[in-house]
C-alpha atoms as a PDB file:
ATOM      1  CA  MET A   1      18.910  19.842   8.922  1.00  0.00           C
ATOM      2  CA  LYS A   2      16.912  18.931   6.022  1.00  0.00           C
ATOM      3  CA  THR A   3      13.341  20.358   7.240  1.00  0.00           C
ATOM      4  CA  ARG A   4      15.354  23.737   7.732  1.00  0.00           C
ATOM      5  CA  PHE A   5      16.542  23.745   4.065  1.00  0.00           C
ATOM      6  CA  THR A   6      13.371  22.237   2.305  1.00  0.00           C
ATOM      7  CA  CYS A   7      11.746  25.423   4.073  1.00  0.00           C
ATOM      8  CA  PHE A   8      14.331  28.212   3.155  1.00  0.00           C
ATOM      9  CA  LEU A   9      14.033  26.960  -0.351  1.00  0.00           C
ATOM     10  CA  LYS A  10      10.271  27.240  -0.453  1.00  0.00           C
ATOM     11  CA  ASN A  11       9.905  30.420   1.998  1.00  0.00           C
ATOM     12  CA  LYS A  12      12.223  32.234   0.038  1.00  0.00           C
ATOM     13  CA  LYS A  13      12.114  30.865  -3.714  1.00  0.00           C
ATOM     14  CA  GLU A  14       9.937  34.377  -4.776  1.00  0.00           C
ATOM     15  CA  ASN A  15      12.643  36.514  -4.038  1.00  0.00           C
ATOM     16  CA  TYR A  16      14.856  35.114  -6.017  1.00  0.00           C
ATOM     17  CA  SER A  17      12.714  36.256  -9.307  1.00  0.00           C
ATOM     18  CA  GLU A  18      15.083  39.442 -10.061  1.00  0.00           C
ATOM     19  CA  PHE A  19      17.753  37.376 -11.396  1.00  0.00           C
ATOM     20  CA  SER A  20      14.697  35.795 -14.285  1.00  0.00           C
ATOM     21  CA  ALA A  21      16.971  38.772 -16.500  1.00  0.00           C
ATOM     22  CA  VAL A  22      20.187  36.338 -16.198  1.00  0.00           C
ATOM     23  CA  ASN A  23      18.099  33.449 -17.106  1.00  0.00           C
ATOM     24  CA  LEU A  24      19.368  31.285 -13.765  1.00  0.00           C
ATOM     25  CA  THR A  25      19.151  27.325 -14.053  1.00  0.00           C
ATOM     26  CA  ARG A  26      17.852  25.061 -11.222  1.00  0.00           C
ATOM     27  CA  ALA A  27      21.958  24.424 -10.659  1.00  0.00           C
ATOM     28  CA  GLY A  28      22.666  28.078 -10.698  1.00  0.00           C
ATOM     29  CA  TYR A  29      20.088  27.922  -7.830  1.00  0.00           C
ATOM     30  CA  THR A  30      21.822  25.291  -5.885  1.00  0.00           C
ATOM     31  CA  ILE A  31      24.888  27.180  -6.333  1.00  0.00           C
ATOM     32  CA  LEU A  32      24.036  30.346  -5.306  1.00  0.00           C
ATOM     33  CA  ILE A  33      22.008  28.665  -1.985  1.00  0.00           C
ATOM     34  CA  PHE A  34      25.510  26.809  -1.440  1.00  0.00           C
ATOM     35  CA  LEU A  35      27.095  29.527  -1.646  1.00  0.00           C
ATOM     36  CA  ILE A  36      24.959  31.559   0.944  1.00  0.00           C
ATOM     37  CA  PHE A  37      25.271  28.793   3.269  1.00  0.00           C
ATOM     38  CA  SER A  38      28.897  28.808   2.838  1.00  0.00           C
ATOM     39  CA  ILE A  39      29.049  32.365   4.329  1.00  0.00           C
ATOM     40  CA  ILE A  40      26.982  32.592   6.642  1.00  0.00           C
ATOM     41  CA  GLY A  41      27.125  28.750   8.024  1.00  0.00           C
ATOM     42  CA  TYR A  42      24.461  26.272   8.267  1.00  0.00           C
ATOM     43  CA  GLY A  43      24.249  26.863  12.150  1.00  0.00           C
ATOM     44  CA  ALA A  44      22.461  30.047  11.347  1.00  0.00           C
ATOM     45  CA  PHE A  45      19.253  28.019  10.199  1.00  0.00           C
ATOM     46  CA  ALA A  46      19.554  24.380  12.182  1.00  0.00           C
ATOM     47  CA  GLN A  47      17.040  23.569  15.066  1.00  0.00           C
ATOM     48  CA  GLU A  48      19.115  21.340  18.193  1.00  0.00           C
ATOM     49  CA  LYS A  49      17.923  17.645  17.809  1.00  0.00           C
ATOM     50  CA  LEU A  50      15.765  16.129  20.638  1.00  0.00           C
ATOM     51  CA  LYS A  51      15.273  11.779  20.432  1.00  0.00           C
ATOM     52  CA  VAL A  52      13.104  10.978  22.731  1.00  0.00           C
ATOM     53  CA  ALA A  53      11.821   7.355  24.286  1.00  0.00           C
ATOM     54  CA  VAL A  54       8.654   6.124  25.092  1.00  0.00           C
ATOM     55  CA  CYS A  55       8.727   3.011  26.459  1.00  0.00           C
ATOM     56  CA  GLN A  56       5.659   0.216  28.196  1.00  0.00           C
ATOM     57  CA  PHE A  57       6.517  -2.839  29.732  1.00  0.00           C
ATOM     58  CA  PRO A  58       4.039  -4.964  32.351  1.00  0.00           C
ATOM     59  CA  VAL A  59       4.762  -3.237  35.568  1.00  0.00           C
ATOM     60  CA  THR A  60       4.433  -5.345  38.253  1.00  0.00           C
ATOM     61  CA  GLY A  61       4.815  -5.879  41.808  1.00  0.00           C
ATOM     62  CA  ASP A  62       8.253  -8.053  41.439  1.00  0.00           C
ATOM     63  CA  LEU A  63      11.054  -4.939  41.226  1.00  0.00           C
ATOM     64  CA  GLN A  64      14.025  -7.022  40.301  1.00  0.00           C
ATOM     65  CA  SER A  65      11.354  -7.597  36.827  1.00  0.00           C
ATOM     66  CA  ASN A  66      10.726  -4.196  36.578  1.00  0.00           C
ATOM     67  CA  PHE A  67      14.416  -3.213  37.090  1.00  0.00           C
ATOM     68  CA  GLU A  68      15.230  -5.382  34.645  1.00  0.00           C
ATOM     69  CA  TYR A  69      13.005  -4.065  31.758  1.00  0.00           C
ATOM     70  CA  ILE A  70      13.759  -0.541  32.898  1.00  0.00           C
ATOM     71  CA  THR A  71      17.880  -1.045  32.077  1.00  0.00           C
ATOM     72  CA  ARG A  72      17.388  -3.137  29.477  1.00  0.00           C
ATOM     73  CA  PHE A  73      15.337  -0.218  27.553  1.00  0.00           C
ATOM     74  CA  ILE A  74      17.471   2.633  29.230  1.00  0.00           C
ATOM     75  CA  LYS A  75      20.883   0.828  26.764  1.00  0.00           C
ATOM     76  CA  GLU A  76      18.554   0.145  24.255  1.00  0.00           C
ATOM     77  CA  ALA A  77      17.409   3.650  24.001  1.00  0.00           C
ATOM     78  CA  ALA A  78      20.996   4.788  24.395  1.00  0.00           C
ATOM     79  CA  SER A  79      22.485   2.681  21.460  1.00  0.00           C
ATOM     80  CA  ASN A  80      19.291   4.286  19.046  1.00  0.00           C
ATOM     81  CA  ASN A  81      21.307   7.913  20.067  1.00  0.00           C
ATOM     82  CA  ALA A  82      17.875   8.869  22.329  1.00  0.00           C
ATOM     83  CA  ASP A  83      18.224  11.869  24.442  1.00  0.00           C
ATOM     84  CA  ILE A  84      15.583  10.943  27.379  1.00  0.00           C
ATOM     85  CA  ILE A  85      13.656   7.755  27.813  1.00  0.00           C
ATOM     86  CA  GLN A  86      10.294   7.673  29.636  1.00  0.00           C
ATOM     87  CA  PHE A  87       8.755   4.930  31.702  1.00  0.00           C
ATOM     88  CA  PRO A  88       5.508   4.120  32.523  1.00  0.00           C
ATOM     89  CA  GLU A  89       4.088   5.560  36.404  1.00  0.00           C
ATOM     90  CA  ALA A  90       5.008   3.424  39.270  1.00  0.00           C
ATOM     91  CA  ALA A  91       7.726   1.942  36.375  1.00  0.00           C
ATOM     92  CA  LEU A  92      10.094   0.210  39.000  1.00  0.00           C
ATOM     93  CA  SER A  93       7.661   0.303  42.312  1.00  0.00           C
ATOM     94  CA  GLY A  94       4.853  -1.669  41.262  1.00  0.00           C
ATOM     95  CA  TYR A  95       1.119   0.036  42.001  1.00  0.00           C
ATOM     96  CA  PRO A  96      -0.813  -0.196  44.743  1.00  0.00           C
ATOM     97  CA  PRO A  97      -3.213  -2.637  44.806  1.00  0.00           C
ATOM     98  CA  ALA A  98      -3.394  -3.434  41.809  1.00  0.00           C
ATOM     99  CA  ASP A  99       0.596  -4.862  42.108  1.00  0.00           C
ATOM    100  CA  PHE A 100       0.864  -5.472  46.123  1.00  0.00           C
ATOM    101  CA  PRO A 101      -1.548  -4.669  48.786  1.00  0.00           C
ATOM    102  CA  SER A 102      -0.323  -1.804  50.303  1.00  0.00           C
ATOM    103  CA  PHE A 103       3.247   0.230  51.294  1.00  0.00           C
ATOM    104  CA  GLN A 104       2.563  -1.232  54.659  1.00  0.00           C
ATOM    105  CA  GLU A 105       5.275  -4.252  54.072  1.00  0.00           C
ATOM    106  CA  PHE A 106       6.723  -2.661  51.440  1.00  0.00           C
ATOM    107  CA  ASN A 107      10.975  -2.860  51.139  1.00  0.00           C
ATOM    108  CA  TRP A 108      11.752   0.310  51.009  1.00  0.00           C
ATOM    109  CA  ASP A 109      15.896  -0.610  50.967  1.00  0.00           C
ATOM    110  CA  ASN A 110      15.168  -2.569  48.001  1.00  0.00           C
ATOM    111  CA  LEU A 111      13.521   0.296  45.933  1.00  0.00           C
ATOM    112  CA  ARG A 112      16.226   2.466  46.923  1.00  0.00           C
ATOM    113  CA  ASP A 113      19.115   0.263  45.958  1.00  0.00           C
ATOM    114  CA  LYS A 114      18.094  -0.271  41.991  1.00  0.00           C
ATOM    115  CA  SER A 115      17.305   3.588  42.232  1.00  0.00           C
ATOM    116  CA  TYR A 116      20.732   4.320  42.808  1.00  0.00           C
ATOM    117  CA  LYS A 117      21.204   1.645  39.736  1.00  0.00           C
ATOM    118  CA  ILE A 118      19.379   3.084  37.376  1.00  0.00           C
ATOM    119  CA  MET A 119      20.854   6.735  38.207  1.00  0.00           C
ATOM    120  CA  ASP A 120      24.142   5.253  37.279  1.00  0.00           C
ATOM    121  CA  PHE A 121      22.982   3.475  34.600  1.00  0.00           C
ATOM    122  CA  ALA A 122      21.442   6.814  33.216  1.00  0.00           C
ATOM    123  CA  ARG A 123      25.409   8.284  33.858  1.00  0.00           C
ATOM    124  CA  GLU A 124      26.874   5.383  32.114  1.00  0.00           C
ATOM    125  CA  ASN A 125      24.598   5.668  29.212  1.00  0.00           C
ATOM    126  CA  ASN A 126      24.639   8.965  29.073  1.00  0.00           C
ATOM    127  CA  ILE A 127      20.901   9.308  28.691  1.00  0.00           C
ATOM    128  CA  TRP A 128      18.410  11.158  30.878  1.00  0.00           C
ATOM    129  CA  VAL A 129      15.449   8.868  32.692  1.00  0.00           C
ATOM    130  CA  ILE A 130      12.097  10.019  33.690  1.00  0.00           C
ATOM    131  CA  LEU A 131      11.136   6.464  35.987  1.00  0.00           C
ATOM    132  CA  GLY A 132       8.106   6.667  37.446  1.00  0.00           C
ATOM    133  CA  SER A 133       8.676   5.389  41.158  1.00  0.00           C
ATOM    134  CA  ALA A 134       7.131   5.899  44.705  1.00  0.00           C
ATOM    135  CA  HIS A 135       8.667   8.501  46.826  1.00  0.00           C
ATOM    136  CA  TYR A 136       9.181   7.439  51.233  1.00  0.00           C
ATOM    137  CA  ILE A 137       8.513  10.595  52.673  1.00  0.00           C
ATOM    138  CA  SER A 138       8.246   8.965  56.483  1.00  0.00           C
ATOM    139  CA  GLU A 139       6.413   6.619  58.447  1.00  0.00           C
ATOM    140  CA  SER A 140       3.487   8.586  59.247  1.00  0.00           C
ATOM    141  CA  GLU A 141       2.973   9.445  56.202  1.00  0.00           C
ATOM    142  CA  ALA A 142       1.950   7.789  52.733  1.00  0.00           C
ATOM    143  CA  PRO A 143       4.370   8.162  49.774  1.00  0.00           C
ATOM    144  CA  LEU A 144       4.326  10.075  46.707  1.00  0.00           C
ATOM    145  CA  ASN A 145       3.477   8.761  43.303  1.00  0.00           C
ATOM    146  CA  CYS A 146       6.195   9.769  41.603  1.00  0.00           C
ATOM    147  CA  LEU A 147       8.500  10.629  38.565  1.00  0.00           C
ATOM    148  CA  TYR A 148      11.897  11.335  39.337  1.00  0.00           C
ATOM    149  CA  ILE A 149      13.730  13.347  36.508  1.00  0.00           C
ATOM    150  CA  ILE A 150      17.620  11.749  36.315  1.00  0.00           C
ATOM    151  CA  SER A 151      19.892  13.798  34.094  1.00  0.00           C
ATOM    152  CA  ASN A 152      22.652  12.245  31.792  1.00  0.00           C
ATOM    153  CA  LYS A 153      24.662  12.217  34.794  1.00  0.00           C
ATOM    154  CA  GLY A 154      22.846  10.122  37.217  1.00  0.00           C
ATOM    155  CA  LYS A 155      21.734  12.552  39.546  1.00  0.00           C
ATOM    156  CA  ILE A 156      17.820  14.008  40.108  1.00  0.00           C
ATOM    157  CA  VAL A 157      17.486  16.887  38.896  1.00  0.00           C
ATOM    158  CA  ASP A 158      13.458  17.633  39.854  1.00  0.00           C
ATOM    159  CA  ARG A 159      10.738  14.749  41.063  1.00  0.00           C
ATOM    160  CA  TYR A 160       7.130  15.707  40.190  1.00  0.00           C
ATOM    161  CA  ASP A 161       4.637  14.003  42.568  1.00  0.00           C
ATOM    162  CA  LYS A 162       1.022  13.250  41.492  1.00  0.00           C
ATOM    163  CA  SER A 163      -1.329  15.753  42.179  1.00  0.00           C
ATOM    164  CA  MET A 164      -4.940  14.914  40.965  1.00  0.00           C
ATOM    165  CA  LEU A 165      -5.088  11.609  42.718  1.00  0.00           C
ATOM    166  CA  THR A 166      -7.932   9.237  42.517  1.00  0.00           C
ATOM    167  CA  THR A 167      -9.755   8.091  45.277  1.00  0.00           C
ATOM    168  CA  GLY A 168      -8.472   5.054  45.379  1.00  0.00           C
ATOM    169  CA  ASP A 169      -4.761   7.006  45.336  1.00  0.00           C
ATOM    170  CA  LEU A 170      -5.522   8.798  48.310  1.00  0.00           C
ATOM    171  CA  LYS A 171      -5.985   5.378  50.126  1.00  0.00           C
ATOM    172  CA  TYR A 172      -2.021   4.718  49.186  1.00  0.00           C
ATOM    173  CA  TYR A 173      -0.679   7.937  48.113  1.00  0.00           C
ATOM    174  CA  THR A 174       0.310  11.780  49.459  1.00  0.00           C
ATOM    175  CA  PRO A 175      -0.697  14.333  46.965  1.00  0.00           C
ATOM    176  CA  GLY A 176       1.829  16.672  45.270  1.00  0.00           C
ATOM    177  CA  ASN A 177       1.142  20.084  44.907  1.00  0.00           C
ATOM    178  CA  HIS A 178       3.968  21.607  42.320  1.00  0.00           C
ATOM    179  CA  ILE A 179       4.560  21.766  38.612  1.00  0.00           C
ATOM    180  CA  SER A 180       8.173  20.498  37.272  1.00  0.00           C
ATOM    181  CA  ILE A 181       9.822  21.666  34.250  1.00  0.00           C
ATOM    182  CA  ILE A 182      12.952  21.167  32.519  1.00  0.00           C
ATOM    183  CA  GLU A 183      15.124  22.567  29.590  1.00  0.00           C
ATOM    184  CA  LEU A 184      16.665  19.992  27.449  1.00  0.00           C
ATOM    185  CA  ASN A 185      18.567  20.466  24.407  1.00  0.00           C
ATOM    186  CA  GLY A 186      16.176  23.579  23.642  1.00  0.00           C
ATOM    187  CA  TYR A 187      12.963  22.646  23.935  1.00  0.00           C
ATOM    188  CA  ILE A 188      11.063  23.084  27.712  1.00  0.00           C
ATOM    189  CA  ILE A 189       9.445  19.940  28.714  1.00  0.00           C
ATOM    190  CA  GLY A 190       6.479  19.258  31.695  1.00  0.00           C
ATOM    191  CA  PHE A 191       5.469  16.329  33.838  1.00  0.00           C
ATOM    192  CA  LEU A 192       2.285  14.810  34.388  1.00  0.00           C
ATOM    193  CA  ILE A 193       0.893  11.248  35.860  1.00  0.00           C
ATOM    194  CA  CYS A 194      -2.438   9.587  34.722  1.00  0.00           C
ATOM    195  CA  LYS A 195      -5.452  11.466  36.479  1.00  0.00           C
ATOM    196  CA  ASP A 196      -3.570  15.028  36.097  1.00  0.00           C
ATOM    197  CA  SER A 197      -4.304  14.702  32.371  1.00  0.00           C
ATOM    198  CA  CYS A 198      -8.390  14.632  33.720  1.00  0.00           C
ATOM    199  CA  PHE A 199      -8.516  18.341  34.337  1.00  0.00           C
ATOM    200  CA  PRO A 200      -7.302  20.690  32.224  1.00  0.00           C
ATOM    201  CA  GLU A 201      -5.688  23.535  34.355  1.00  0.00           C
ATOM    202  CA  MET A 202      -3.015  21.079  34.520  1.00  0.00           C
ATOM    203  CA  TYR A 203      -1.734  21.637  31.545  1.00  0.00           C
ATOM    204  CA  ASN A 204      -2.945  25.092  31.479  1.00  0.00           C
ATOM    205  CA  ILE A 205      -0.429  25.991  33.597  1.00  0.00           C
ATOM    206  CA  TYR A 206       2.096  24.104  32.088  1.00  0.00           C
ATOM    207  CA  ARG A 207       1.076  26.104  28.434  1.00  0.00           C
ATOM    208  CA  HIS A 208       1.249  29.485  30.648  1.00  0.00           C
ATOM    209  CA  ASN A 209       5.149  28.159  31.704  1.00  0.00           C
ATOM    210  CA  GLY A 210       6.061  28.110  28.218  1.00  0.00           C
ATOM    211  CA  VAL A 211       5.902  24.274  28.024  1.00  0.00           C
ATOM    212  CA  GLN A 212       5.828  22.487  24.460  1.00  0.00           C
ATOM    213  CA  ILE A 213       6.455  19.087  24.896  1.00  0.00           C
ATOM    214  CA  MET A 214       4.590  17.338  28.265  1.00  0.00           C
ATOM    215  CA  ILE A 215       5.896  13.882  29.110  1.00  0.00           C
ATOM    216  CA  HIS A 216       2.980  11.884  30.735  1.00  0.00           C
ATOM    217  CA  SER A 217       2.959   8.381  32.408  1.00  0.00           C
ATOM    218  CA  PHE A 218       0.051   6.134  33.139  1.00  0.00           C
ATOM    219  CA  TYR A 219      -0.724   2.974  34.583  1.00  0.00           C
ATOM    220  CA  ASN A 220      -4.212   1.867  33.057  1.00  0.00           C
ATOM    221  CA  ALA A 221      -3.322  -1.563  33.209  1.00  0.00           C
ATOM    222  CA  HIS A 222      -4.309  -5.407  35.287  1.00  0.00           C
ATOM    223  CA  HIS A 223      -8.363  -4.577  34.342  1.00  0.00           C
ATOM    224  CA  LYS A 224     -10.068  -7.932  33.597  1.00  0.00           C
ATOM    225  CA  GLY A 225     -11.206  -6.564  30.184  1.00  0.00           C
ATOM    226  CA  LYS A 226     -12.022  -3.390  28.293  1.00  0.00           C
ATOM    227  CA  THR A 227     -13.108  -0.454  30.459  1.00  0.00           C
ATOM    228  CA  ILE A 228     -14.348   3.074  29.057  1.00  0.00           C
ATOM    229  CA  LEU A 229     -10.592   3.388  29.686  1.00  0.00           C
ATOM    230  CA  ASP A 230     -10.158   2.448  26.023  1.00  0.00           C
ATOM    231  CA  GLU A 231     -11.483   5.302  24.816  1.00  0.00           C
ATOM    232  CA  PHE A 232     -11.337   7.744  26.830  1.00  0.00           C
ATOM    233  CA  ILE A 233      -7.907   8.190  27.754  1.00  0.00           C
ATOM    234  CA  PRO A 234      -6.468   8.075  24.195  1.00  0.00           C
ATOM    235  CA  ALA A 235      -9.170  11.148  23.173  1.00  0.00           C
ATOM    236  CA  GLN A 236      -7.833  13.028  25.987  1.00  0.00           C
ATOM    237  CA  ILE A 237      -4.762  12.498  25.398  1.00  0.00           C
ATOM    238  CA  ARG A 238      -4.862  13.973  21.868  1.00  0.00           C
ATOM    239  CA  VAL A 239      -7.460  16.700  22.881  1.00  0.00           C
ATOM    240  CA  ARG A 240      -4.459  18.238  25.277  1.00  0.00           C
ATOM    241  CA  ALA A 241      -2.175  18.283  22.925  1.00  0.00           C
ATOM    242  CA  ALA A 242      -4.086  20.084  20.594  1.00  0.00           C
ATOM    243  CA  ASP A 243      -5.543  22.794  23.245  1.00  0.00           C
ATOM    244  CA  ASN A 244      -2.478  23.041  24.008  1.00  0.00           C
ATOM    245  CA  LEU A 245      -0.188  23.434  21.190  1.00  0.00           C
ATOM    246  CA  MET A 246       2.121  20.338  22.640  1.00  0.00           C
ATOM    247  CA  TRP A 247       3.381  17.449  21.838  1.00  0.00           C
ATOM    248  CA  VAL A 248       2.051  15.172  24.595  1.00  0.00           C
ATOM    249  CA  LEU A 249       4.323  11.501  24.831  1.00  0.00           C
ATOM    250  CA  ALA A 250       2.129   9.239  26.922  1.00  0.00           C
ATOM    251  CA  SER A 251       3.427   6.260  28.726  1.00  0.00           C
ATOM    252  CA  ASN A 252       1.101   3.103  29.967  1.00  0.00           C
ATOM    253  CA  SER A 253       2.059   0.077  31.391  1.00  0.00           C
ATOM    254  CA  SER A 254       1.633  -3.155  29.426  1.00  0.00           C
ATOM    255  CA  GLY A 255       0.566  -5.663  31.625  1.00  0.00           C
ATOM    256  CA  TYR A 256      -2.862  -7.589  30.913  1.00  0.00           C
ATOM    257  CA  TYR A 257      -5.421  -6.058  30.103  1.00  0.00           C
ATOM    258  CA  SER A 258      -3.901  -2.768  29.630  1.00  0.00           C
ATOM    259  CA  SER A 259      -6.185  -0.689  28.311  1.00  0.00           C
ATOM    260  CA  TRP A 260      -4.353   1.380  25.436  1.00  0.00           C
ATOM    261  CA  PRO A 261      -0.494   1.638  24.288  1.00  0.00           C
ATOM    262  CA  SER A 262       2.221   3.884  25.072  1.00  0.00           C
ATOM    263  CA  CYS A 263       1.556   6.730  22.438  1.00  0.00           C
ATOM    264  CA  ILE A 264       2.389  10.098  20.937  1.00  0.00           C
ATOM    265  CA  SER A 265       0.132  13.278  20.352  1.00  0.00           C
ATOM    266  CA  ARG A 266       1.256  15.934  17.907  1.00  0.00           C
ATOM    267  CA  PRO A 267      -0.339  19.657  18.687  1.00  0.00           C
ATOM    268  CA  ASP A 268      -2.356  18.864  15.544  1.00  0.00           C
ATOM    269  CA  GLY A 269      -3.998  15.661  17.878  1.00  0.00           C
ATOM    270  CA  SER A 270      -2.717  13.272  15.398  1.00  0.00           C
ATOM    271  CA  LEU A 271      -1.398  10.328  17.185  1.00  0.00           C
ATOM    272  CA  GLU A 272       1.311   7.569  16.965  1.00  0.00           C
ATOM    273  CA  SER A 273       0.917   4.485  18.775  1.00  0.00           C
ATOM    274  CA  LEU A 274       2.958   1.066  19.877  1.00  0.00           C
ATOM    275  CA  GLU A 275       1.025  -2.233  20.200  1.00  0.00           C
ATOM    276  CA  GLN A 276      -1.138  -2.587  22.563  1.00  0.00           C
ATOM    277  CA  GLY A 277      -0.013  -5.083  25.546  1.00  0.00           C
ATOM    278  CA  ALA A 278       3.209  -5.649  24.290  1.00  0.00           C
ATOM    279  CA  PRO A 279       7.013  -4.495  25.572  1.00  0.00           C
ATOM    280  CA  GLY A 280       8.335  -1.946  23.276  1.00  0.00           C
ATOM    281  CA  ILE A 281      10.093   1.620  22.974  1.00  0.00           C
ATOM    282  CA  LEU A 282       7.784   4.659  20.277  1.00  0.00           C
ATOM    283  CA  TYR A 283      10.527   6.911  18.728  1.00  0.00           C
ATOM    284  CA  ARG A 284      10.291  10.709  18.136  1.00  0.00           C
ATOM    285  CA  GLU A 285      12.804  12.795  17.011  1.00  0.00           C
ATOM    286  CA  PHE A 286      12.784  16.521  17.361  1.00  0.00           C
ATOM    287  CA  PRO A 287      12.304  19.577  15.462  1.00  0.00           C
ATOM    288  CA  ASP A 288       9.209  16.769  14.679  1.00  0.00           C
ATOM    289  CA  ASN A 289       7.372  18.435  11.120  1.00  0.00           C
ATOM    290  CA  ASP A 290       6.993  14.944   9.099  1.00  0.00           C
ATOM    291  CA  LYS A 291       3.119  14.940   9.697  1.00  0.00           C
ATOM    292  CA  THR A 292       2.539  18.035   8.055  1.00  0.00           C
ATOM    293  CA  THR A 293       4.831  16.218   4.673  1.00  0.00           C
ATOM    294  CA  LEU A 294       1.715  14.173   4.762  1.00  0.00           C
ATOM    295  CA  TYR A 295      -1.436  15.757   4.514  1.00  0.00           C
ATOM    296  CA  PRO A 296      -2.543  19.426   5.349  1.00  0.00           C
ATOM    297  CA  SER A 297      -1.953  20.170   9.434  1.00  0.00           C
ATOM    298  CA  TRP A 298      -3.003  22.450  11.493  1.00  0.00           C
ATOM    299  CA  THR A 299      -3.394  23.700  15.279  1.00  0.00           C
ATOM    300  CA  HIS A 300      -6.238  24.901  17.113  1.00  0.00           C
ATOM    301  CA  ASN A 301      -6.508  26.267  19.962  1.00  0.00           C
ATOM    302  CA  ASN A 302      -4.682  29.561  19.325  1.00  0.00           C
ATOM    303  CA  LYS A 303      -6.607  31.336  22.841  1.00  0.00           C
ATOM    304  CA  MET A 304      -4.755  30.321  25.743  1.00  0.00           C
ATOM    305  CA  MET A 305      -6.693  30.006  28.712  1.00  0.00           C
ATOM    306  CA  GLN A 306      -6.828  32.709  31.395  1.00  0.00           C
ATOM    307  CA  LEU A 307      -4.863  31.019  34.730  1.00  0.00           C
ATOM    308  CA  PRO A 308      -6.912  32.181  37.576  1.00  0.00           C
ATOM    309  CA  SER A 309      -5.014  33.182  40.628  1.00  0.00           C
ATOM    310  CA  ASP A 310      -7.225  31.235  42.821  1.00  0.00           C
ATOM    311  CA  GLU A 311      -6.787  27.528  40.864  1.00  0.00           C
ATOM    312  CA  VAL A 312      -5.776  24.843  42.913  1.00  0.00           C
ATOM    313  CA  TYR A 313      -3.612  21.882  41.799  1.00  0.00           C
ATOM    314  CA  HIS A 314      -3.747  18.762  43.461  1.00  0.00           C
ATOM    315  CA  ASN A 315      -6.711  16.631  45.518  1.00  0.00           C
ATOM    316  CA  GLY A 316      -6.146  16.155  49.212  1.00  0.00           C
ATOM    317  CA  ILE A 317      -3.631  17.100  51.686  1.00  0.00           C
ATOM    318  CA  PRO A 318       0.124  17.466  50.412  1.00  0.00           C
ATOM    319  CA  SER A 319       2.709  17.107  52.593  1.00  0.00           C
ATOM    320  CA  GLN A 320       4.958  19.624  54.224  1.00  0.00           C
ATOM    321  CA  HIS A 321       7.836  17.542  55.140  1.00  0.00           C
ATOM    322  CA  GLN A 322      11.308  18.423  54.418  1.00  0.00           C
ATOM    323  CA  ARG A 323      11.436  15.158  51.895  1.00  0.00           C
ATOM    324  CA  ALA A 324       8.518  16.119  50.033  1.00  0.00           C
ATOM    325  CA  ILE A 325       9.456  19.947  49.523  1.00  0.00           C
ATOM    326  CA  ASP A 326      12.812  18.904  48.713  1.00  0.00           C
ATOM    327  CA  THR A 327      12.110  17.636  44.634  1.00  0.00           C
ATOM    328  CA  SER A 328      15.857  16.535  44.165  1.00  0.00           C
ATOM    329  CA  SER A 329      15.904  14.638  47.704  1.00  0.00           C
ATOM    330  CA  LEU A 330      16.969  10.703  47.183  1.00  0.00           C
ATOM    331  CA  PRO A 331      14.626   8.036  46.976  1.00  0.00           C
END
């Protein structure tokens, strides 16, 4: 409400020049504004608030360890009045082959049990949870690399499946072929995973669907040391945000060696990050106008790209199994 009130005074100041004849003092202006707000109500100028929590922790193949980090951070974010919390790619399941050899001997029952507990935890703490995991399809098909979109009622309302798989991913996962969008507290939110960031068309289709905030989860960790990803991905996040006039919430695993820390980029390309390699939460509250009070800020690409009718938004061959098509199916 403070930002709205300040802007109102600044934008309307000249309109009160007609009162100069009666020499209104600053106190008089204050009384006048108070009366206006009293008559029409503050709600006319208010924008609904949304508080997000972007998390990082050292994701591993140990589901119990991942589960404990996830539930701990859900509780912490809820206690800080966050509306929604984001976790990295594969946050619960772990990521092959970095965390385990393959899904051949994977304990799906254990994953389901912990997934249901996290759903209950979301309901108990009244917070939306964006959970990186793996979604089982069938014995004959590789699972989906997914983000479960769990509401504050503890229900899976949608699921985004990583579409642009790496060459390595195609050995372990089936690609998705859809976008996922929700509206929360008046903000339109989209979802992507890791290498999707390398393809401008993945952001472009969301921009055409009115997305304002992109939740983009990554797993760029467990390297032996620095790689090109250290510089490439943070730069890419900033460009995607600026090119599409979106806020990009980018979470990453903090497992050693983590290429870059979880971060948030504004539509002006500015970036705020957590400490690299350390578990933690980065908070941001919308409406997010603070940057413009520090120095001049502006957006860049105000010309929307065209949306080709023949564009393909996936690598590999998507599944036609009902568990893949039904994006609200249980783990």
